[in-house]
Protein backbone atom coordinates (compact mmCIF):
# COMPACT_ATOMS: atom_id res chain seq x y z
CA ASN A 1 94.72 180.74 -25.72
CA THR A 2 97.59 181.94 -23.45
CA LEU A 3 96.21 180.18 -20.46
CA LEU A 4 95.43 177.17 -22.28
CA ARG A 5 99.12 177.05 -23.72
CA LYS A 6 100.50 177.52 -20.08
CA ASN A 7 98.52 174.59 -18.80
CA LEU A 8 99.78 172.34 -21.65
CA ILE A 9 103.37 173.38 -21.01
CA HIS A 10 102.94 172.74 -17.26
CA SER A 11 101.45 169.30 -17.77
CA SER A 12 104.08 168.16 -20.29
CA SER A 13 106.80 169.38 -18.05
CA LYS A 14 105.34 167.27 -15.23
CA ARG A 15 105.18 164.27 -17.37
CA LEU A 16 108.76 164.75 -18.53
CA ILE A 17 109.87 165.13 -14.89
CA ALA A 18 107.80 162.25 -13.68
CA ARG A 19 109.24 160.15 -16.61
CA GLN A 20 112.85 161.35 -15.93
CA TYR A 21 112.77 160.40 -12.37
CA SER A 22 110.81 157.32 -12.50
CA LYS A 23 112.97 155.53 -15.28
CA PRO A 24 116.01 155.28 -13.26
CA ASP A 25 114.20 154.05 -10.31
CA GLN A 26 112.63 151.26 -12.43
CA VAL A 27 116.05 150.43 -13.75
CA ARG A 28 117.59 150.35 -10.24
CA ASP A 29 114.79 148.19 -8.88
CA ARG A 30 115.02 145.83 -11.91
CA ARG A 31 118.90 145.62 -11.41
CA THR A 32 118.60 144.96 -7.64
CA SER A 33 115.79 142.32 -8.21
CA ASN A 34 118.06 140.64 -10.90
CA GLU A 35 121.10 140.69 -8.52
CA GLU A 36 119.17 139.02 -5.70
CA LEU A 37 118.28 135.98 -8.00
CA SER A 38 119.76 132.61 -7.06
CA PRO A 39 122.08 131.00 -9.63
CA GLU A 40 119.35 128.44 -10.66
CA VAL A 41 117.07 131.12 -11.58
CA LYS A 42 119.72 133.46 -13.21
CA TYR A 43 121.05 130.55 -15.51
CA LYS A 44 117.53 129.29 -16.16
CA ASN A 45 117.95 128.96 -19.89
CA GLU A 46 121.46 127.51 -19.82
CA ILE A 47 120.30 124.77 -17.30
CA SER A 48 117.19 123.84 -19.50
CA SER A 49 119.44 123.60 -22.62
CA TYR A 50 121.85 121.35 -20.68
CA GLU A 51 118.85 119.17 -19.59
CA ARG A 52 117.62 118.90 -23.23
CA GLY A 53 121.03 117.99 -24.49
CA LYS A 54 121.64 115.46 -21.68
CA ARG A 55 118.29 113.87 -22.67
CA ARG A 56 119.15 113.67 -26.23
CA LEU A 57 122.38 112.16 -25.44
CA ALA A 58 120.90 109.61 -23.32
CA LEU A 59 118.39 108.59 -26.07
CA MET A 60 121.25 108.32 -28.54
CA MET A 61 123.08 105.84 -26.29
CA GLU A 62 119.67 104.03 -25.60
CA LYS A 63 119.75 104.72 -21.84
CA ASP A 64 117.25 105.92 -19.40
CA PRO A 65 117.64 109.87 -19.30
CA GLU A 66 116.50 110.10 -15.65
CA THR A 67 119.49 107.67 -14.46
CA PHE A 68 121.94 109.19 -17.01
CA SER A 69 124.93 110.13 -14.75
CA ASP A 70 127.92 112.41 -15.35
CA LYS A 71 130.01 109.32 -15.86
CA ASP A 72 127.62 108.10 -18.53
CA ILE A 73 128.11 111.59 -20.29
CA GLU A 74 131.87 111.33 -20.20
CA GLU A 75 131.70 107.76 -21.87
CA ALA A 76 129.26 108.92 -24.41
CA LEU A 77 131.25 111.92 -25.52
CA ALA A 78 134.32 109.69 -25.58
CA TYR A 79 132.52 107.15 -27.73
CA LEU A 80 130.76 109.60 -30.09
CA LEU A 81 133.51 112.40 -30.25
CA PRO A 82 136.81 110.57 -29.78
CA SER A 83 139.80 112.91 -29.24
CA ASN A 84 143.43 112.24 -28.79
CA LEU A 85 144.31 115.87 -27.67
CA PHE A 86 146.83 116.13 -24.90
CA ALA A 87 145.02 118.86 -23.07
CA LYS A 88 142.13 117.59 -21.32
CA ASP A 89 140.54 121.23 -21.29
CA ALA A 90 140.44 121.06 -25.16
CA ARG A 91 138.63 117.81 -25.36
CA PRO A 92 134.79 117.78 -25.95
CA MET A 93 132.99 117.95 -22.42
CA MET A 94 129.49 118.45 -21.22
CA LYS A 95 129.06 119.70 -17.65
CA HIS A 96 126.26 121.40 -15.72
CA PRO A 97 126.30 125.30 -16.23
CA LEU A 98 126.61 125.97 -12.54
CA GLU A 99 130.12 124.22 -12.80
CA LEU A 100 131.17 126.36 -15.81
CA LEU A 101 129.70 129.59 -15.59
CA PRO A 102 131.37 132.26 -13.31
CA LYS A 103 130.19 132.63 -9.71
CA VAL A 104 129.10 136.26 -9.20
CA LYS A 105 129.43 137.64 -5.93
CA ALA A 106 126.10 139.29 -4.46
CA ILE A 107 126.24 143.00 -4.14
CA GLN A 108 125.74 144.29 -0.69
CA VAL A 109 123.48 147.14 -0.38
CA ASP A 110 122.14 149.22 2.48
CA LYS A 111 118.51 149.87 3.38
CA ASP A 112 118.34 152.54 0.55
CA ASN A 113 119.58 150.10 -1.95
CA ARG A 114 123.03 151.90 -2.11
CA PRO A 115 126.17 149.92 -2.47
CA ILE A 116 128.24 149.48 0.57
CA SER A 117 131.56 148.87 -1.19
CA ALA A 118 133.43 152.05 -2.18
CA GLY A 119 134.69 150.29 -5.48
CA PHE A 120 131.22 149.48 -6.70
CA TYR A 121 131.14 152.16 -9.46
CA THR A 122 134.60 151.01 -10.82
CA GLY A 123 133.12 147.94 -12.28
CA PHE A 124 135.65 145.81 -10.25
CA PRO A 125 134.57 146.19 -6.53
CA ALA A 126 136.24 143.12 -5.25
CA PHE A 127 139.58 143.84 -7.00
CA TYR A 128 139.83 147.35 -5.72
CA ASP A 129 138.71 146.39 -2.24
CA LEU A 130 141.64 143.87 -2.11
CA ILE A 131 144.03 146.50 -3.31
CA HIS A 132 142.71 148.83 -0.65
CA GLU A 133 143.38 146.11 2.03
CA ILE A 134 146.77 145.59 0.68
CA GLY A 135 147.48 149.35 1.12
CA GLU A 136 146.23 149.38 4.69
CA ARG A 137 148.61 146.33 5.60
CA GLU A 138 151.51 148.18 3.89
CA GLU A 139 150.78 151.27 6.09
CA LEU A 140 150.50 149.04 9.06
CA LEU A 141 153.92 147.24 8.55
CA MET A 142 155.49 150.61 7.63
CA SER A 143 154.33 152.08 10.95
CA LEU A 144 155.59 149.14 12.87
CA THR A 145 158.99 149.36 11.01
CA LEU A 146 159.44 152.91 12.07
CA GLY A 147 158.29 152.22 15.68
CA LYS A 148 155.37 154.64 15.40
CA ALA A 149 152.01 154.13 17.20
CA VAL A 150 149.34 153.01 15.10
CA ASP A 151 146.13 154.63 16.04
CA LYS A 152 143.94 152.79 13.44
CA LEU A 153 144.58 149.34 14.79
CA SER A 154 141.87 147.63 16.62
CA ASP A 155 142.09 145.25 19.48
CA ASN A 156 141.11 142.34 17.31
CA LEU A 157 143.87 143.02 14.79
CA ILE A 158 146.56 143.34 17.57
CA GLN A 159 145.38 139.93 18.92
CA ASP A 160 145.51 138.50 15.36
CA ILE A 161 149.13 139.70 14.78
CA ASN A 162 150.20 138.45 18.17
CA SER A 163 148.64 135.02 17.49
CA ASN A 164 150.49 134.92 14.04
CA GLN A 165 153.74 135.81 15.77
CA SER A 166 153.30 133.13 18.47
CA ASP A 167 152.41 130.41 15.95
CA GLN A 168 155.36 131.12 13.81
CA GLU A 169 157.69 131.03 16.80
CA THR A 170 156.25 127.51 17.65
CA GLU A 171 156.48 126.28 14.15
CA GLY A 172 159.89 127.40 13.56
CA SER A 173 161.48 129.55 10.70
CA ASP A 174 161.27 126.82 7.76
CA SER A 175 161.74 128.61 4.61
CA ALA A 176 158.99 126.97 2.64
CA MET A 177 158.65 127.30 -1.09
CA PHE A 178 155.51 128.81 -2.51
CA LYS A 179 153.99 130.22 -5.60
CA TRP A 180 151.18 132.76 -6.17
CA LEU A 181 147.65 131.55 -7.25
CA THR A 182 147.05 131.46 -10.95
CA PHE A 183 144.82 133.89 -13.01
CA ASN A 184 141.70 131.67 -12.84
CA GLN A 185 142.22 130.83 -9.20
CA ILE A 186 142.28 134.56 -8.45
CA LYS A 187 139.25 135.11 -10.37
CA ASP A 188 137.29 132.28 -8.60
CA LEU A 189 138.58 133.72 -5.25
CA LEU A 190 137.33 137.13 -5.96
CA GLN A 191 134.30 135.95 -7.77
CA GLU A 192 134.85 138.58 -10.32
CA GLU A 193 136.00 138.88 -14.05
CA ILE A 194 139.42 140.67 -13.91
CA THR A 195 142.02 141.31 -16.65
CA GLU A 196 145.51 140.02 -17.07
CA ARG A 197 146.86 143.59 -16.38
CA GLN A 198 144.93 143.75 -13.10
CA TYR A 199 146.11 140.26 -12.20
CA LYS A 200 149.87 141.29 -12.71
CA TYR A 201 149.29 144.44 -10.66
CA LEU A 202 147.74 142.45 -7.78
CA ILE A 203 150.65 140.07 -7.74
CA ALA A 204 153.20 142.92 -7.85
CA ARG A 205 151.54 144.62 -4.91
CA LEU A 206 151.48 141.23 -2.99
CA GLU A 207 155.20 140.60 -3.76
CA ARG A 208 155.87 144.07 -2.46
CA LEU A 209 153.91 143.52 0.66
CA GLN A 210 155.82 140.18 1.60
CA GLN A 211 159.11 142.11 1.12
CA PHE A 212 158.58 144.09 4.26
CA PRO A 213 161.01 142.86 7.00
CA ASN A 214 158.14 142.20 9.45
CA SER A 215 155.65 140.70 6.93
CA ASP A 216 155.33 137.58 9.25
CA HIS A 217 152.83 139.60 11.13
CA ILE A 218 150.43 139.40 8.33
CA SER A 219 151.31 136.11 7.00
CA GLY A 220 147.71 134.80 7.29
CA PHE A 221 146.55 137.49 4.87
CA ILE A 222 149.35 136.72 2.41
CA ASP A 223 148.74 132.93 2.58
CA GLN A 224 145.18 133.42 1.12
CA TYR A 225 146.63 134.19 -2.32
CA ARG A 226 149.60 131.82 -2.45
CA LYS A 227 150.07 128.08 -1.91
CA VAL A 228 152.96 126.14 -0.45
CA ILE A 229 154.90 123.83 -2.89
CA GLU A 230 155.62 120.66 -1.06
CA HIS A 231 159.13 119.53 -1.48
CA ARG A 232 159.16 115.90 -2.33
CA GLN A 233 162.37 114.08 -1.42
CA THR A 234 163.97 112.00 -4.04
CA LYS A 235 164.04 108.36 -3.42
CA VAL A 236 167.51 107.21 -3.85
CA LYS A 237 168.93 103.71 -2.97
CA ILE A 238 171.98 104.09 -0.60
CA ARG A 239 174.63 101.58 -1.11
CA PRO A 240 176.73 100.68 1.88
CA LEU A 241 180.55 100.94 1.82
CA ASN A 242 182.60 97.91 0.78
CA HIS A 243 185.17 96.22 3.12
CA ALA A 244 187.81 98.67 1.94
CA GLY A 245 185.58 101.65 2.89
CA ILE A 246 184.87 102.63 -0.88
CA ALA A 247 181.56 103.80 -1.91
CA SER A 248 180.64 103.13 -5.65
CA SER A 249 177.77 104.45 -7.70
CA THR A 250 176.65 105.01 -11.23
CA GLY A 251 175.39 108.18 -13.00
CA LYS A 252 173.91 108.76 -16.47
CA ARG A 253 173.39 111.92 -18.68
CA LYS A 254 172.35 111.66 -22.36
CA SER A 255 174.16 108.80 -23.81
CA ALA A 256 177.17 108.87 -21.15
CA VAL A 257 177.60 106.42 -18.31
CA ALA A 258 179.99 107.01 -15.43
CA ASN A 259 181.08 104.48 -12.81
CA ILE A 260 182.17 106.35 -9.69
CA GLN A 261 184.42 105.18 -6.76
CA ILE A 262 184.84 107.42 -3.74
CA GLN A 263 187.07 106.99 -0.68
CA GLU A 264 188.28 109.15 2.04
CA GLY A 265 191.40 111.10 0.89
CA ALA A 266 192.74 114.59 0.01
CA GLY A 267 190.53 115.76 -2.88
CA ASN A 268 192.18 113.96 -5.80
CA ILE A 269 189.94 113.46 -8.83
CA GLN A 270 190.90 111.01 -11.72
CA ILE A 271 188.83 110.56 -14.87
CA ASN A 272 189.81 107.72 -17.08
CA ASP A 273 193.35 107.69 -15.57
CA ARG A 274 193.67 111.42 -16.30
CA ASN A 275 193.58 114.51 -14.17
CA LEU A 276 190.29 116.68 -13.93
CA ILE A 277 192.12 119.64 -15.50
CA GLU A 278 193.41 117.48 -18.31
CA TYR A 279 190.33 115.67 -19.04
CA PHE A 280 187.93 118.70 -19.09
CA PRO A 281 189.63 121.83 -20.35
CA LEU A 282 186.61 123.89 -20.04
CA ILE A 283 185.77 125.49 -16.56
CA LEU A 284 182.19 124.88 -17.13
CA HIS A 285 182.61 121.07 -17.22
CA ARG A 286 184.96 121.19 -14.24
CA GLU A 287 182.16 123.06 -12.31
CA GLN A 288 179.72 120.35 -13.05
CA VAL A 289 181.86 117.57 -11.63
CA LEU A 290 182.91 119.69 -8.55
CA TYR A 291 179.32 121.05 -7.84
CA PRO A 292 178.18 118.34 -5.28
CA LEU A 293 181.52 118.73 -3.29
CA LEU A 294 181.22 122.47 -3.31
CA VAL A 295 177.65 122.34 -2.10
CA LEU A 296 178.63 120.06 0.85
CA ASN A 297 182.09 121.92 1.40
CA VAL A 298 183.99 118.64 1.21
CA THR A 299 186.36 119.29 -1.73
CA ASP A 300 189.33 118.18 0.22
CA ALA A 301 187.77 115.21 2.06
CA TYR A 302 187.53 112.47 -0.62
CA ASP A 303 189.45 111.05 -3.50
CA ILE A 304 187.36 110.29 -6.64
CA THR A 305 187.85 107.79 -9.44
CA CYS A 306 185.76 107.83 -12.45
CA LYS A 307 185.33 105.66 -15.53
CA VAL A 308 183.18 107.24 -18.10
CA CYS A 309 182.13 106.34 -21.60
CA GLY A 310 179.87 107.59 -24.24
CA GLY A 311 178.66 110.90 -25.06
CA GLY A 312 180.47 114.29 -25.16
CA PRO A 313 182.07 116.41 -22.46
CA SER A 314 178.63 117.89 -21.43
CA GLY A 315 177.07 114.44 -20.97
CA GLN A 316 179.98 112.93 -19.27
CA SER A 317 180.42 115.76 -16.66
CA GLY A 318 176.58 115.49 -15.99
CA ALA A 319 176.99 111.74 -15.51
CA ILE A 320 179.78 112.15 -13.20
CA ARG A 321 178.00 114.69 -11.19
CA LEU A 322 175.19 112.56 -10.59
CA GLY A 323 177.33 109.53 -9.63
CA ILE A 324 179.39 111.58 -7.15
CA ALA A 325 176.25 113.00 -5.43
CA ARG A 326 174.79 109.40 -5.03
CA ALA A 327 178.10 107.84 -3.85
CA LEU A 328 178.34 110.66 -1.21
CA LEU A 329 175.46 109.45 0.54
CA SER A 330 177.05 106.18 1.56
CA PHE A 331 179.45 108.27 3.86
CA ASN A 332 176.76 110.39 5.41
CA GLU A 333 173.00 110.09 4.96
CA GLY A 334 172.69 113.72 6.07
CA TYR A 335 173.93 114.95 2.71
CA LYS A 336 170.62 114.01 1.15
CA GLU A 337 168.73 117.00 2.27
CA THR A 338 171.21 119.39 0.88
CA LEU A 339 171.85 117.42 -2.38
CA ASP A 340 168.21 116.99 -3.06
CA GLU A 341 167.55 120.87 -2.52
CA HIS A 342 170.07 121.55 -5.37
CA GLY A 343 168.47 118.81 -7.64
CA LEU A 344 171.77 116.77 -7.61
CA LEU A 345 170.13 113.36 -7.03
CA ILE A 346 167.87 113.39 -10.01
CA ARG A 347 168.98 112.44 -13.66
CA ASP A 348 168.80 115.33 -15.99
CA PRO A 349 166.04 114.14 -18.52
CA ARG A 350 167.13 116.61 -21.30
CA ILE A 351 168.33 114.99 -24.54
CA VAL A 352 169.16 116.24 -27.97
CA GLU A 353 166.04 116.79 -30.02
CA ARG A 354 165.85 114.31 -32.98
CA LYS A 355 166.11 115.37 -36.52
CA LYS A 356 162.91 115.84 -38.51
CA PRO A 357 162.39 114.52 -41.93
CA GLY A 358 162.44 117.28 -44.54
CA GLN A 359 164.46 119.49 -42.41
CA LYS A 360 168.15 119.96 -42.17
CA LYS A 361 168.18 119.52 -38.24
CA ALA A 362 165.80 119.32 -35.42
CA ARG A 363 164.39 122.85 -35.91
CA ARG A 364 166.48 124.26 -38.85
CA LYS A 365 164.87 124.33 -42.32
CA PHE A 366 166.57 124.13 -45.71
CA ALA A 367 166.98 127.38 -47.70
CA TRP A 368 164.37 128.05 -50.29
């Protein structure tokens, strides 16, 4: 009996050990096999349901399902489910699953099916690998700033740094405006689902990286996560000077209209036959009128005569500012770039919000 009991315990322990070590291997093999599947196989059910819906939609519109294109789908949805929503993303749509479902980056494993990435077990390997790369470049820039020798640099990285520096010397030091990629664009770039908090942390680290004095050495790396905002110059019709050497222009703001006449002088400004200080008692409105002159540093170079009507002091000062900025272009077209950078050649589109019925004002409600 004792020998039989020992054999039973020994055999059962063997089965437990075999079951314990074989189950994770099966799960790992199943996981790796699923990760190696192509997107068409991985989203097989979604694609089949899309094809069924596409076929039914084609039959409802009395068209051939085989030649039913994406344009036909959009027209059918607009006809069957009309929507006047302003946001196009909120309107009914029907697209292929491979266009809508997230693209998951394939996990790189070695010959023993172990993940190569050090951040694999964090759940966000691409995100933490990027944070690690940013940290390496921060260490690099700090070492270059302090003048220390960097042992970790390879020859290829040194060549890349030198090429970036030479390219920037040839291009010139133009301060281009840029903005960081959006949350969805970063997710598509990393091919990974990250949180809003991780996105804000990533942008903070990138901003810290570009604040280094010698960050131009790694501009190629930073440019992957930002895009340049192209500055579009405002189209302004420049009127020539008249026979008396006077430039005239018109500016508008809200319901105010200002007719401006500028000639070379000593910096006198007359508004409706009154002095600037008398017409606008508040400094805020005076600054609005003088803003184009202060930007160009020509406050004592021109005499200005204004005839303005309509609106209040805020609208009139804005109209005068726009008219002065446009009239100054008649003397020197080189002023355009500076004035355009400060937004002085575009009419301010803001107006007073209208009163709503059933309310006391535009936003204010009656007391109840």
